[in-house]
């Protein structure tokens, strides 16, 4: 999923000749903490709310302040995961996208990324979910797929997460195209896999919707 499918024009942009007051008003109206600043259509950088709040005279033009602009930027052809990683590492509410000449094309917001990922193939497919806890050195996608397919099922999607409290282990979440997981779970048990949790589709959808709605509510704060 390339980022060109995530670009939005809904986020306002500011010229470097606009005032600090205007920037803060836009941030409040659109529930964001960063805004792209342009100079003749070229991206100057991102203005952060905490920097703008330190400016005593909010009537000042942004170009006349000493605020430090953030410089994160994405380009067409990069993946949505690049946006997620950058947002997480830098605690950004949005990231600007430019062409190779630095011309501003639009922005990618936290909300647009999350909503797009929620609609990826596999998330909305019918089936069941199994979560495994595995030692990193024991992880074998071939064996996991063999266990699932040996029980006349298919893996729709699979992703791996590192466990923050134990660097030697990972969590593997598997979406399977069957709701009855009993045989598959028994087989994983015979192969000494640790099954942390399993969900039927309805259970997982309720949990997913709850987490997604909670996250979207957080983004709107």
N, C-alpha and C. Protein backbone atom coordinates (compact mmCIF):
# COMPACT_ATOMS: atom_id res chain seq x y z
N UNK A 1 0.85 -1.19 0.00
CA UNK A 1 0.00 0.00 0.00
C UNK A 1 0.89 1.24 0.00
N UNK A 2 0.97 1.92 -1.14
CA UNK A 2 1.79 3.11 -1.26
C UNK A 2 1.07 4.32 -0.68
N UNK A 3 1.86 5.31 -0.28
CA UNK A 3 1.27 6.43 0.44
C UNK A 3 0.44 7.35 -0.44
N UNK A 4 0.58 7.23 -1.77
CA UNK A 4 -0.22 8.12 -2.61
C UNK A 4 -1.72 7.87 -2.43
N UNK A 5 -2.08 6.67 -1.93
CA UNK A 5 -3.50 6.37 -1.67
C UNK A 5 -3.96 6.93 -0.33
N UNK A 6 -3.05 7.48 0.46
CA UNK A 6 -3.38 7.99 1.79
C UNK A 6 -3.34 9.51 1.87
N UNK A 7 -2.87 10.16 0.81
CA UNK A 7 -2.70 11.61 0.85
C UNK A 7 -4.06 12.30 0.96
N UNK A 8 -4.15 13.26 1.85
CA UNK A 8 -5.37 14.05 2.01
C UNK A 8 -5.06 15.53 1.82
N UNK A 9 -6.03 16.23 1.27
CA UNK A 9 -5.94 17.69 1.13
C UNK A 9 -6.80 18.39 2.18
N UNK A 10 -7.36 17.60 3.11
CA UNK A 10 -8.27 18.17 4.10
C UNK A 10 -7.53 19.00 5.15
N UNK A 11 -6.26 18.68 5.36
CA UNK A 11 -5.48 19.41 6.37
C UNK A 11 -5.05 20.76 5.79
N UNK A 12 -5.30 21.85 6.51
CA UNK A 12 -4.89 23.16 5.99
C UNK A 12 -3.37 23.30 5.99
N UNK A 13 -2.87 24.13 5.11
CA UNK A 13 -1.44 24.46 5.10
C UNK A 13 -1.30 25.96 5.32
N UNK A 14 -0.14 26.36 5.78
CA UNK A 14 0.12 27.77 6.04
C UNK A 14 1.31 28.25 5.23
N UNK A 15 1.26 29.52 4.84
CA UNK A 15 2.44 30.16 4.28
C UNK A 15 3.30 30.66 5.43
N UNK A 16 4.58 30.77 5.20
CA UNK A 16 5.46 31.23 6.27
C UNK A 16 5.17 32.68 6.65
N UNK A 17 4.35 33.37 5.83
CA UNK A 17 3.96 34.75 6.15
C UNK A 17 2.68 34.82 6.98
N UNK A 18 2.04 33.68 7.22
CA UNK A 18 0.85 33.65 8.08
C UNK A 18 1.27 33.81 9.54
N UNK A 19 0.31 34.11 10.38
CA UNK A 19 0.63 34.40 11.79
C UNK A 19 0.59 33.15 12.66
N UNK A 20 1.24 33.25 13.78
CA UNK A 20 1.22 32.19 14.78
C UNK A 20 -0.21 31.96 15.26
N UNK A 21 -0.95 33.04 15.43
CA UNK A 21 -2.34 32.95 15.88
C UNK A 21 -3.17 32.11 14.92
N UNK A 22 -2.99 32.32 13.63
CA UNK A 22 -3.74 31.56 12.64
C UNK A 22 -3.37 30.08 12.69
N UNK A 23 -2.09 29.79 12.86
CA UNK A 23 -1.64 28.40 12.95
C UNK A 23 -2.26 27.69 14.15
N UNK A 24 -2.27 28.35 15.28
CA UNK A 24 -2.84 27.73 16.49
C UNK A 24 -4.34 27.53 16.34
N UNK A 25 -5.00 28.46 15.65
CA UNK A 25 -6.45 28.32 15.44
C UNK A 25 -6.75 27.12 14.55
N UNK A 26 -5.97 26.93 13.49
CA UNK A 26 -6.15 25.77 12.62
C UNK A 26 -5.91 24.46 13.39
N UNK A 27 -4.88 24.46 14.22
CA UNK A 27 -4.59 23.24 14.98
C UNK A 27 -5.74 22.87 15.91
N UNK A 28 -6.31 23.88 16.54
CA UNK A 28 -7.45 23.63 17.42
C UNK A 28 -8.66 23.15 16.63
N UNK A 29 -8.93 23.77 15.50
CA UNK A 29 -10.10 23.42 14.70
C UNK A 29 -10.00 22.01 14.13
N UNK A 30 -8.81 21.60 13.70
CA UNK A 30 -8.63 20.31 13.03
C UNK A 30 -8.06 19.22 13.94
N UNK A 31 -7.90 19.54 15.24
CA UNK A 31 -7.45 18.55 16.23
C UNK A 31 -6.12 17.92 15.83
N UNK A 32 -5.17 18.74 15.44
CA UNK A 32 -3.84 18.27 15.09
C UNK A 32 -2.81 19.09 15.85
N UNK A 33 -1.61 18.58 15.96
CA UNK A 33 -0.56 19.28 16.70
C UNK A 33 0.61 19.70 15.80
N UNK A 34 0.45 19.52 14.49
CA UNK A 34 1.47 19.93 13.53
C UNK A 34 0.79 20.49 12.29
N UNK A 35 1.47 21.43 11.63
CA UNK A 35 0.96 21.98 10.38
C UNK A 35 2.11 22.19 9.40
N UNK A 36 1.88 21.84 8.12
CA UNK A 36 2.91 22.11 7.10
C UNK A 36 3.01 23.62 6.85
N UNK A 37 4.24 24.09 6.72
CA UNK A 37 4.50 25.49 6.41
C UNK A 37 5.15 25.56 5.04
N UNK A 38 4.58 26.39 4.15
CA UNK A 38 5.06 26.47 2.77
C UNK A 38 5.66 27.84 2.47
N UNK A 39 6.57 27.85 1.53
CA UNK A 39 7.10 29.09 0.95
C UNK A 39 7.07 28.92 -0.56
N UNK A 40 6.14 29.64 -1.21
CA UNK A 40 5.96 29.51 -2.67
C UNK A 40 5.79 28.04 -3.08
N UNK A 41 4.87 27.35 -2.42
CA UNK A 41 4.48 25.97 -2.70
C UNK A 41 5.52 24.93 -2.28
N UNK A 42 6.69 25.38 -1.84
CA UNK A 42 7.69 24.43 -1.36
C UNK A 42 7.57 24.27 0.15
N UNK A 43 7.79 23.05 0.60
CA UNK A 43 7.68 22.76 2.03
C UNK A 43 8.87 23.34 2.78
N UNK A 44 8.58 24.16 3.79
CA UNK A 44 9.62 24.67 4.69
C UNK A 44 9.86 23.67 5.81
N UNK A 45 8.77 23.12 6.33
CA UNK A 45 8.86 22.15 7.41
C UNK A 45 7.53 22.07 8.13
N UNK A 46 7.53 21.37 9.26
CA UNK A 46 6.34 21.27 10.10
C UNK A 46 6.49 22.18 11.31
N UNK A 47 5.45 22.95 11.58
CA UNK A 47 5.40 23.73 12.81
C UNK A 47 4.67 22.92 13.88
N UNK A 48 5.29 22.80 15.05
CA UNK A 48 4.70 22.03 16.14
C UNK A 48 3.96 22.96 17.10
N UNK A 49 2.85 22.48 17.62
CA UNK A 49 2.03 23.29 18.51
C UNK A 49 2.81 23.78 19.72
N UNK A 50 3.61 22.90 20.33
CA UNK A 50 4.32 23.31 21.54
C UNK A 50 5.32 24.43 21.27
N UNK A 51 5.89 24.47 20.05
CA UNK A 51 6.79 25.56 19.68
C UNK A 51 6.02 26.86 19.51
N UNK A 52 4.87 26.78 18.86
CA UNK A 52 4.07 27.98 18.61
C UNK A 52 3.52 28.57 19.90
N UNK A 53 3.19 27.71 20.86
CA UNK A 53 2.65 28.20 22.13
C UNK A 53 3.68 28.97 22.94
N UNK A 54 4.95 28.78 22.62
CA UNK A 54 6.01 29.51 23.33
C UNK A 54 6.24 30.91 22.78
N UNK A 55 5.60 31.21 21.64
CA UNK A 55 5.75 32.54 21.04
C UNK A 55 4.83 33.51 21.78
N UNK A 56 5.40 34.56 22.36
CA UNK A 56 4.62 35.48 23.18
C UNK A 56 3.69 36.34 22.33
N UNK A 57 4.17 36.81 21.20
CA UNK A 57 3.36 37.66 20.33
C UNK A 57 2.77 36.81 19.20
N UNK A 58 1.53 36.37 19.38
CA UNK A 58 0.92 35.47 18.40
C UNK A 58 0.52 36.19 17.11
N UNK A 59 0.65 37.52 17.09
CA UNK A 59 0.38 38.27 15.86
C UNK A 59 1.57 38.23 14.91
N UNK A 60 2.67 37.72 15.38
CA UNK A 60 3.87 37.64 14.54
C UNK A 60 3.67 36.69 13.38
N UNK A 61 4.31 37.01 12.26
CA UNK A 61 4.34 36.06 11.16
C UNK A 61 5.25 34.90 11.54
N UNK A 62 4.93 33.73 11.05
CA UNK A 62 5.72 32.54 11.39
C UNK A 62 7.17 32.72 10.96
N UNK A 63 7.38 33.35 9.84
CA UNK A 63 8.74 33.56 9.34
C UNK A 63 9.55 34.49 10.24
N UNK A 64 8.88 35.27 11.07
CA UNK A 64 9.57 36.23 11.94
C UNK A 64 9.86 35.66 13.32
N UNK A 65 9.49 34.41 13.55
CA UNK A 65 9.75 33.77 14.83
C UNK A 65 11.03 32.94 14.74
N UNK A 66 11.46 32.46 15.89
CA UNK A 66 12.67 31.63 15.94
C UNK A 66 12.34 30.15 16.16
N UNK A 67 11.09 29.77 15.86
CA UNK A 67 10.72 28.37 16.09
C UNK A 67 11.51 27.45 15.15
N UNK A 68 11.80 26.27 15.66
CA UNK A 68 12.54 25.27 14.87
C UNK A 68 11.53 24.39 14.14
N UNK A 69 11.63 24.35 12.83
CA UNK A 69 10.73 23.53 12.04
C UNK A 69 11.20 22.08 12.03
N UNK A 70 10.25 21.17 12.15
CA UNK A 70 10.55 19.74 11.97
C UNK A 70 10.67 19.45 10.48
N UNK A 71 11.50 18.47 10.12
CA UNK A 71 11.79 18.23 8.71
C UNK A 71 11.38 16.84 8.19
N UNK A 72 10.46 16.13 8.83
CA UNK A 72 10.08 14.84 8.27
C UNK A 72 9.32 15.01 6.97
N UNK A 73 9.53 14.12 6.04
CA UNK A 73 8.82 14.22 4.77
C UNK A 73 8.75 12.84 4.14
N UNK A 74 7.68 12.59 3.41
CA UNK A 74 7.51 11.36 2.65
C UNK A 74 7.42 11.70 1.17
N UNK A 75 7.77 10.71 0.34
CA UNK A 75 7.72 10.90 -1.10
C UNK A 75 6.83 9.83 -1.73
N UNK A 76 6.28 10.14 -2.87
CA UNK A 76 5.47 9.17 -3.60
C UNK A 76 6.32 7.92 -3.85
N UNK A 77 5.71 6.77 -3.70
CA UNK A 77 6.43 5.52 -3.89
C UNK A 77 6.83 4.86 -2.59
N UNK A 78 6.78 5.60 -1.48
CA UNK A 78 7.04 4.97 -0.18
C UNK A 78 5.79 4.24 0.30
N UNK A 79 6.00 3.33 1.26
CA UNK A 79 4.91 2.49 1.75
C UNK A 79 4.25 3.12 2.97
N UNK A 80 3.00 2.73 3.23
CA UNK A 80 2.27 3.23 4.40
C UNK A 80 3.00 2.90 5.69
N UNK A 81 3.73 1.78 5.73
CA UNK A 81 4.47 1.43 6.93
C UNK A 81 5.56 2.46 7.24
N UNK A 82 6.11 3.10 6.20
CA UNK A 82 7.08 4.17 6.42
C UNK A 82 6.43 5.32 7.18
N UNK A 83 5.19 5.63 6.81
CA UNK A 83 4.46 6.71 7.49
C UNK A 83 4.19 6.35 8.94
N UNK A 84 3.75 5.10 9.18
CA UNK A 84 3.48 4.67 10.55
C UNK A 84 4.73 4.73 11.41
N UNK A 85 5.84 4.23 10.87
CA UNK A 85 7.09 4.21 11.63
C UNK A 85 7.55 5.64 11.97
N UNK A 86 7.46 6.53 11.00
CA UNK A 86 7.88 7.91 11.22
C UNK A 86 6.99 8.61 12.24
N UNK A 87 5.67 8.39 12.11
CA UNK A 87 4.74 9.00 13.06
C UNK A 87 5.00 8.52 14.48
N UNK A 88 5.25 7.22 14.61
CA UNK A 88 5.48 6.64 15.93
C UNK A 88 6.79 7.14 16.53
N UNK A 89 7.85 7.12 15.74
CA UNK A 89 9.17 7.50 16.26
C UNK A 89 9.25 8.98 16.63
N UNK A 90 8.57 9.83 15.85
CA UNK A 90 8.67 11.27 16.05
C UNK A 90 7.45 11.88 16.73
N UNK A 91 6.45 11.03 17.05
CA UNK A 91 5.22 11.48 17.73
C UNK A 91 4.54 12.59 16.93
N UNK A 92 4.29 12.30 15.66
CA UNK A 92 3.69 13.28 14.76
C UNK A 92 2.21 13.01 14.55
N UNK A 93 1.44 14.07 14.39
CA UNK A 93 0.02 13.90 14.07
C UNK A 93 -0.20 13.83 12.56
N UNK A 94 0.79 14.26 11.79
CA UNK A 94 0.72 14.15 10.33
C UNK A 94 2.12 14.26 9.76
N UNK A 95 2.25 13.83 8.49
CA UNK A 95 3.52 13.94 7.78
C UNK A 95 3.24 14.51 6.39
N UNK A 96 3.97 15.53 5.97
CA UNK A 96 3.78 16.07 4.62
C UNK A 96 4.39 15.18 3.56
N UNK A 97 3.83 15.27 2.36
CA UNK A 97 4.34 14.52 1.21
C UNK A 97 4.76 15.54 0.16
N UNK A 98 5.95 15.36 -0.41
CA UNK A 98 6.43 16.27 -1.45
C UNK A 98 6.90 15.48 -2.67
N UNK A 99 7.05 16.18 -3.78
CA UNK A 99 7.68 15.56 -4.94
C UNK A 99 9.20 15.70 -4.83
N UNK A 100 9.91 15.29 -5.86
CA UNK A 100 11.37 15.29 -5.80
C UNK A 100 11.95 16.71 -5.75
N UNK A 101 11.13 17.72 -6.07
CA UNK A 101 11.60 19.11 -6.03
C UNK A 101 11.19 19.82 -4.73
N UNK A 102 10.56 19.09 -3.83
CA UNK A 102 10.14 19.69 -2.58
C UNK A 102 8.81 20.38 -2.63
N UNK A 103 8.07 20.23 -3.74
CA UNK A 103 6.74 20.84 -3.85
C UNK A 103 5.74 20.03 -3.02
N UNK A 104 4.98 20.73 -2.22
CA UNK A 104 4.02 20.08 -1.32
C UNK A 104 2.87 19.46 -2.10
N UNK A 105 2.56 18.18 -1.81
CA UNK A 105 1.49 17.46 -2.51
C UNK A 105 0.28 17.18 -1.61
N UNK A 106 0.46 17.23 -0.32
CA UNK A 106 -0.60 16.90 0.62
C UNK A 106 0.00 16.30 1.87
N UNK A 107 -0.85 15.84 2.76
CA UNK A 107 -0.38 15.26 4.02
C UNK A 107 -1.00 13.90 4.26
N UNK A 108 -0.32 13.13 5.10
CA UNK A 108 -0.85 11.87 5.59
C UNK A 108 -1.05 12.01 7.09
N UNK A 109 -2.26 11.73 7.56
CA UNK A 109 -2.57 11.87 8.98
C UNK A 109 -2.63 10.51 9.66
N UNK A 110 -2.55 10.53 10.98
CA UNK A 110 -2.68 9.30 11.73
C UNK A 110 -4.00 8.61 11.40
N UNK A 111 -5.06 9.39 11.36
CA UNK A 111 -6.38 8.81 11.14
C UNK A 111 -6.49 8.16 9.77
N UNK A 112 -5.92 8.80 8.74
CA UNK A 112 -6.02 8.23 7.38
C UNK A 112 -5.27 6.92 7.28
N UNK A 113 -4.12 6.82 7.97
CA UNK A 113 -3.35 5.58 7.94
C UNK A 113 -4.09 4.46 8.65
N UNK A 114 -4.61 4.75 9.85
CA UNK A 114 -5.30 3.73 10.62
C UNK A 114 -6.55 3.22 9.89
N UNK A 115 -7.32 4.14 9.33
CA UNK A 115 -8.53 3.73 8.63
C UNK A 115 -8.20 2.89 7.40
N UNK A 116 -7.12 3.23 6.70
CA UNK A 116 -6.73 2.45 5.52
C UNK A 116 -6.29 1.05 5.93
N UNK A 117 -5.50 0.95 6.98
CA UNK A 117 -5.02 -0.36 7.44
C UNK A 117 -6.18 -1.23 7.91
N UNK A 118 -7.20 -0.59 8.50
CA UNK A 118 -8.36 -1.36 8.98
C UNK A 118 -9.13 -2.00 7.84
N UNK A 119 -8.98 -1.45 6.64
CA UNK A 119 -9.70 -1.99 5.49
C UNK A 119 -8.84 -2.90 4.62
N UNK A 120 -7.64 -3.22 5.09
CA UNK A 120 -6.79 -4.13 4.32
C UNK A 120 -7.45 -5.49 4.17
N UNK A 121 -7.17 -6.15 3.08
CA UNK A 121 -7.68 -7.50 2.87
C UNK A 121 -7.21 -8.40 4.00
N UNK A 122 -8.13 -9.14 4.58
CA UNK A 122 -7.79 -10.02 5.68
C UNK A 122 -8.45 -9.57 6.96
N UNK A 123 -8.49 -8.26 7.20
CA UNK A 123 -9.10 -7.77 8.43
C UNK A 123 -10.60 -8.00 8.42
N UNK A 124 -11.23 -7.76 7.27
CA UNK A 124 -12.68 -7.86 7.21
C UNK A 124 -13.16 -9.22 6.71
N UNK A 125 -12.24 -10.10 6.33
CA UNK A 125 -12.63 -11.44 5.87
C UNK A 125 -13.17 -12.27 7.04
N UNK A 126 -14.10 -13.16 6.72
CA UNK A 126 -14.64 -14.07 7.73
C UNK A 126 -13.58 -15.10 8.12
N UNK A 127 -13.60 -15.49 9.37
CA UNK A 127 -12.65 -16.50 9.83
C UNK A 127 -12.38 -16.38 11.31
N UNK A 128 -11.30 -17.01 11.76
CA UNK A 128 -10.92 -16.99 13.15
C UNK A 128 -9.51 -16.46 13.33
N UNK A 129 -9.16 -16.15 14.57
CA UNK A 129 -7.86 -15.57 14.90
C UNK A 129 -7.17 -16.45 15.94
N UNK A 130 -5.88 -16.69 15.72
CA UNK A 130 -5.06 -17.39 16.70
C UNK A 130 -3.83 -16.54 17.00
N UNK A 131 -3.52 -16.37 18.28
CA UNK A 131 -2.31 -15.66 18.70
C UNK A 131 -1.35 -16.65 19.36
N UNK A 132 -0.14 -16.72 18.83
CA UNK A 132 0.88 -17.62 19.34
C UNK A 132 2.02 -16.81 19.97
N UNK A 133 2.62 -17.37 21.02
CA UNK A 133 3.84 -16.80 21.58
C UNK A 133 4.98 -17.78 21.30
N UNK A 134 6.02 -17.29 20.63
CA UNK A 134 7.07 -18.17 20.13
C UNK A 134 8.44 -17.57 20.44
N UNK A 135 9.40 -18.41 20.75
CA UNK A 135 10.79 -17.95 20.82
C UNK A 135 11.23 -17.54 19.42
N UNK A 136 11.96 -16.43 19.33
CA UNK A 136 12.38 -15.94 18.02
C UNK A 136 13.11 -17.00 17.21
N UNK A 137 13.96 -17.75 17.88
CA UNK A 137 14.77 -18.75 17.17
C UNK A 137 13.94 -19.93 16.68
N UNK A 138 12.73 -20.09 17.23
CA UNK A 138 11.88 -21.23 16.86
C UNK A 138 10.85 -20.86 15.80
N UNK A 139 10.81 -19.57 15.42
CA UNK A 139 9.78 -19.14 14.48
C UNK A 139 10.02 -19.74 13.10
N UNK A 140 8.98 -20.41 12.59
CA UNK A 140 9.04 -20.99 11.25
C UNK A 140 7.70 -20.77 10.56
N UNK A 141 7.67 -19.87 9.60
CA UNK A 141 6.44 -19.63 8.86
C UNK A 141 6.01 -20.87 8.11
N UNK A 142 6.97 -21.62 7.61
CA UNK A 142 6.66 -22.85 6.87
C UNK A 142 5.92 -23.84 7.74
N UNK A 143 6.39 -24.01 8.99
CA UNK A 143 5.73 -24.96 9.88
C UNK A 143 4.34 -24.48 10.28
N UNK A 144 4.21 -23.18 10.58
CA UNK A 144 2.90 -22.63 10.96
C UNK A 144 1.90 -22.81 9.82
N UNK A 145 2.32 -22.46 8.61
CA UNK A 145 1.44 -22.62 7.46
C UNK A 145 1.09 -24.09 7.24
N UNK A 146 2.07 -24.98 7.46
CA UNK A 146 1.82 -26.41 7.30
C UNK A 146 0.78 -26.93 8.27
N UNK A 147 0.82 -26.44 9.51
CA UNK A 147 -0.17 -26.86 10.51
C UNK A 147 -1.56 -26.40 10.11
N UNK A 148 -1.68 -25.14 9.68
CA UNK A 148 -2.99 -24.61 9.29
C UNK A 148 -3.52 -25.34 8.06
N UNK A 149 -2.68 -25.47 7.04
CA UNK A 149 -3.13 -26.09 5.79
C UNK A 149 -3.34 -27.59 5.94
N UNK A 150 -2.64 -28.20 6.90
CA UNK A 150 -2.85 -29.62 7.17
C UNK A 150 -4.20 -29.91 7.78
N UNK A 151 -4.87 -28.84 8.25
CA UNK A 151 -6.23 -28.97 8.79
C UNK A 151 -7.26 -28.36 7.85
N UNK A 152 -6.93 -28.41 6.55
CA UNK A 152 -7.85 -27.94 5.50
C UNK A 152 -8.29 -26.49 5.69
N UNK A 153 -7.35 -25.65 6.07
CA UNK A 153 -7.63 -24.23 6.22
C UNK A 153 -6.53 -23.43 5.52
N UNK A 154 -6.75 -22.13 5.42
CA UNK A 154 -5.78 -21.25 4.78
C UNK A 154 -5.50 -20.04 5.66
N UNK A 155 -4.27 -19.55 5.60
CA UNK A 155 -3.92 -18.31 6.29
C UNK A 155 -4.32 -17.13 5.41
N UNK A 156 -5.18 -16.26 5.94
CA UNK A 156 -5.58 -15.05 5.21
C UNK A 156 -4.55 -13.94 5.42
N UNK A 157 -4.09 -13.80 6.66
CA UNK A 157 -3.06 -12.81 6.95
C UNK A 157 -2.31 -13.25 8.19
N UNK A 158 -1.09 -12.73 8.33
CA UNK A 158 -0.25 -13.06 9.48
C UNK A 158 0.69 -11.90 9.74
N UNK A 159 0.82 -11.54 11.02
CA UNK A 159 1.82 -10.53 11.34
C UNK A 159 2.51 -10.87 12.66
N UNK A 160 3.73 -10.38 12.78
CA UNK A 160 4.60 -10.71 13.91
C UNK A 160 4.87 -9.45 14.71
N UNK A 161 4.78 -9.56 16.05
CA UNK A 161 5.02 -8.45 16.95
C UNK A 161 6.05 -8.84 17.99
N UNK A 162 7.04 -7.99 18.21
CA UNK A 162 8.01 -8.24 19.27
C UNK A 162 7.37 -7.96 20.62
N UNK A 163 7.70 -8.77 21.62
CA UNK A 163 7.16 -8.57 22.96
C UNK A 163 8.09 -7.63 23.73
N UNK A 164 7.57 -6.49 24.20
CA UNK A 164 8.44 -5.51 24.85
C UNK A 164 9.04 -6.00 26.16
N UNK A 165 8.37 -6.94 26.84
CA UNK A 165 8.87 -7.41 28.13
C UNK A 165 9.79 -8.62 28.01
N UNK A 166 9.99 -9.12 26.79
CA UNK A 166 10.87 -10.27 26.59
C UNK A 166 11.39 -10.23 25.15
N UNK A 167 12.63 -9.78 24.99
CA UNK A 167 13.19 -9.59 23.65
C UNK A 167 13.46 -10.90 22.93
N UNK A 168 13.38 -12.03 23.65
CA UNK A 168 13.67 -13.32 23.02
C UNK A 168 12.42 -13.95 22.41
N UNK A 169 11.25 -13.32 22.62
CA UNK A 169 10.01 -13.92 22.15
C UNK A 169 9.25 -12.96 21.23
N UNK A 170 8.40 -13.55 20.40
CA UNK A 170 7.54 -12.77 19.51
C UNK A 170 6.11 -13.29 19.63
N UNK A 171 5.18 -12.44 19.22
CA UNK A 171 3.77 -12.83 19.16
C UNK A 171 3.37 -12.90 17.69
N UNK A 172 2.79 -14.02 17.31
CA UNK A 172 2.37 -14.23 15.92
C UNK A 172 0.84 -14.28 15.90
N UNK A 173 0.24 -13.35 15.17
CA UNK A 173 -1.22 -13.30 15.05
C UNK A 173 -1.60 -13.80 13.66
N UNK A 174 -2.46 -14.82 13.64
CA UNK A 174 -2.82 -15.47 12.38
C UNK A 174 -4.32 -15.34 12.15
N UNK A 175 -4.70 -14.84 10.98
CA UNK A 175 -6.11 -14.82 10.57
C UNK A 175 -6.33 -16.01 9.65
N UNK A 176 -7.30 -16.85 9.97
CA UNK A 176 -7.55 -18.10 9.27
C UNK A 176 -8.96 -18.09 8.69
N UNK A 177 -9.14 -18.71 7.55
CA UNK A 177 -10.42 -18.63 6.85
C UNK A 177 -11.46 -19.60 7.39
N UNK A 178 -11.32 -20.02 8.63
CA UNK A 178 -12.32 -20.91 9.26
C UNK A 178 -12.63 -20.40 10.65
N UNK A 179 -13.89 -20.51 11.04
CA UNK A 179 -14.27 -20.07 12.38
C UNK A 179 -14.07 -21.17 13.40
N UNK A 180 -14.20 -22.43 13.00
CA UNK A 180 -13.97 -23.54 13.92
C UNK A 180 -12.47 -23.83 13.95
N UNK A 181 -11.83 -23.44 15.03
CA UNK A 181 -10.38 -23.54 15.15
C UNK A 181 -9.93 -24.72 16.01
N UNK A 182 -10.86 -25.55 16.45
CA UNK A 182 -10.53 -26.58 17.45
C UNK A 182 -9.44 -27.53 16.96
N UNK A 183 -9.53 -28.03 15.73
CA UNK A 183 -8.51 -28.96 15.23
C UNK A 183 -7.16 -28.29 15.07
N UNK A 184 -7.19 -27.07 14.59
CA UNK A 184 -5.92 -26.34 14.40
C UNK A 184 -5.27 -26.08 15.75
N UNK A 185 -6.06 -25.69 16.74
CA UNK A 185 -5.52 -25.43 18.08
C UNK A 185 -4.93 -26.71 18.68
N UNK A 186 -5.59 -27.83 18.48
CA UNK A 186 -5.07 -29.10 18.97
C UNK A 186 -3.73 -29.44 18.33
N UNK A 187 -3.61 -29.15 17.04
CA UNK A 187 -2.36 -29.44 16.34
C UNK A 187 -1.23 -28.54 16.84
N UNK A 188 -1.52 -27.27 17.02
CA UNK A 188 -0.50 -26.37 17.58
C UNK A 188 -0.06 -26.85 18.95
N UNK A 189 -1.00 -27.35 19.74
CA UNK A 189 -0.67 -27.87 21.06
C UNK A 189 0.24 -29.09 20.96
N UNK A 190 -0.03 -29.97 20.00
CA UNK A 190 0.82 -31.16 19.82
C UNK A 190 2.24 -30.78 19.43
N UNK A 191 2.39 -29.67 18.73
CA UNK A 191 3.72 -29.20 18.33
C UNK A 191 4.35 -28.27 19.38
N UNK A 192 3.73 -28.24 20.57
CA UNK A 192 4.25 -27.47 21.71
C UNK A 192 4.28 -25.96 21.49
N UNK A 193 3.34 -25.47 20.70
CA UNK A 193 3.20 -24.03 20.56
C UNK A 193 2.40 -23.47 21.74
N UNK A 194 2.75 -22.28 22.18
CA UNK A 194 1.99 -21.60 23.22
C UNK A 194 0.92 -20.73 22.57
N UNK A 195 -0.34 -21.12 22.76
CA UNK A 195 -1.46 -20.35 22.21
C UNK A 195 -1.90 -19.34 23.27
N UNK A 196 -1.67 -18.06 22.98
CA UNK A 196 -2.04 -17.01 23.94
C UNK A 196 -3.54 -16.74 23.93
N UNK A 197 -4.14 -16.81 22.75
CA UNK A 197 -5.57 -16.51 22.64
C UNK A 197 -6.08 -17.00 21.30
N UNK A 198 -7.38 -17.21 21.22
CA UNK A 198 -8.03 -17.52 19.95
C UNK A 198 -9.41 -16.89 19.97
N UNK A 199 -9.86 -16.47 18.80
CA UNK A 199 -11.14 -15.76 18.69
C UNK A 199 -11.92 -16.31 17.51
N UNK A 200 -13.22 -16.41 17.70
CA UNK A 200 -14.09 -16.57 16.55
C UNK A 200 -14.28 -15.18 15.93
N UNK A 201 -14.77 -15.12 14.73
CA UNK A 201 -14.87 -13.85 14.01
C UNK A 201 -15.63 -12.80 14.80
N UNK A 202 -16.80 -13.16 15.34
CA UNK A 202 -17.63 -12.17 16.04
C UNK A 202 -16.90 -11.61 17.25
N UNK A 203 -16.22 -12.49 18.00
CA UNK A 203 -15.49 -12.05 19.17
C UNK A 203 -14.38 -11.09 18.79
N UNK A 204 -13.64 -11.46 17.74
CA UNK A 204 -12.52 -10.63 17.31
C UNK A 204 -13.00 -9.29 16.77
N UNK A 205 -14.09 -9.30 16.00
CA UNK A 205 -14.60 -8.04 15.45
C UNK A 205 -15.02 -7.09 16.55
N UNK A 206 -15.67 -7.62 17.61
CA UNK A 206 -16.06 -6.77 18.72
C UNK A 206 -14.84 -6.15 19.39
N UNK A 207 -13.80 -6.97 19.60
CA UNK A 207 -12.58 -6.48 20.22
C UNK A 207 -11.88 -5.47 19.32
N UNK A 208 -11.82 -5.76 18.03
CA UNK A 208 -11.15 -4.87 17.08
C UNK A 208 -11.88 -3.53 16.98
N UNK A 209 -13.21 -3.58 16.89
CA UNK A 209 -13.98 -2.35 16.81
C UNK A 209 -13.79 -1.50 18.06
N UNK A 210 -13.76 -2.16 19.23
CA UNK A 210 -13.57 -1.43 20.47
C UNK A 210 -12.22 -0.72 20.48
N UNK A 211 -11.17 -1.45 20.09
CA UNK A 211 -9.83 -0.85 20.09
C UNK A 211 -9.72 0.26 19.05
N UNK A 212 -10.29 0.02 17.87
CA UNK A 212 -10.22 1.01 16.80
C UNK A 212 -10.96 2.28 17.18
N UNK A 213 -12.17 2.14 17.74
CA UNK A 213 -12.94 3.30 18.14
C UNK A 213 -12.25 4.08 19.26
N UNK A 214 -11.62 3.33 20.18
CA UNK A 214 -10.88 3.99 21.26
C UNK A 214 -9.70 4.77 20.71
N UNK A 215 -9.03 4.20 19.68
CA UNK A 215 -7.87 4.89 19.11
C UNK A 215 -8.30 6.13 18.33
N UNK A 216 -9.38 5.99 17.55
CA UNK A 216 -9.88 7.14 16.81
C UNK A 216 -10.32 8.25 17.76
N UNK A 217 -10.94 7.87 18.89
CA UNK A 217 -11.35 8.86 19.88
C UNK A 217 -10.13 9.56 20.44
N UNK A 218 -9.05 8.80 20.65
CA UNK A 218 -7.80 9.39 21.15
C UNK A 218 -7.23 10.39 20.14
N UNK A 219 -7.27 10.05 18.85
CA UNK A 219 -6.74 10.94 17.83
C UNK A 219 -7.54 12.24 17.74
N UNK A 220 -8.81 12.19 18.11
CA UNK A 220 -9.66 13.37 18.00
C UNK A 220 -9.56 14.27 19.21
N UNK A 221 -8.83 13.84 20.24
CA UNK A 221 -8.73 14.66 21.46
C UNK A 221 -8.00 15.96 21.14
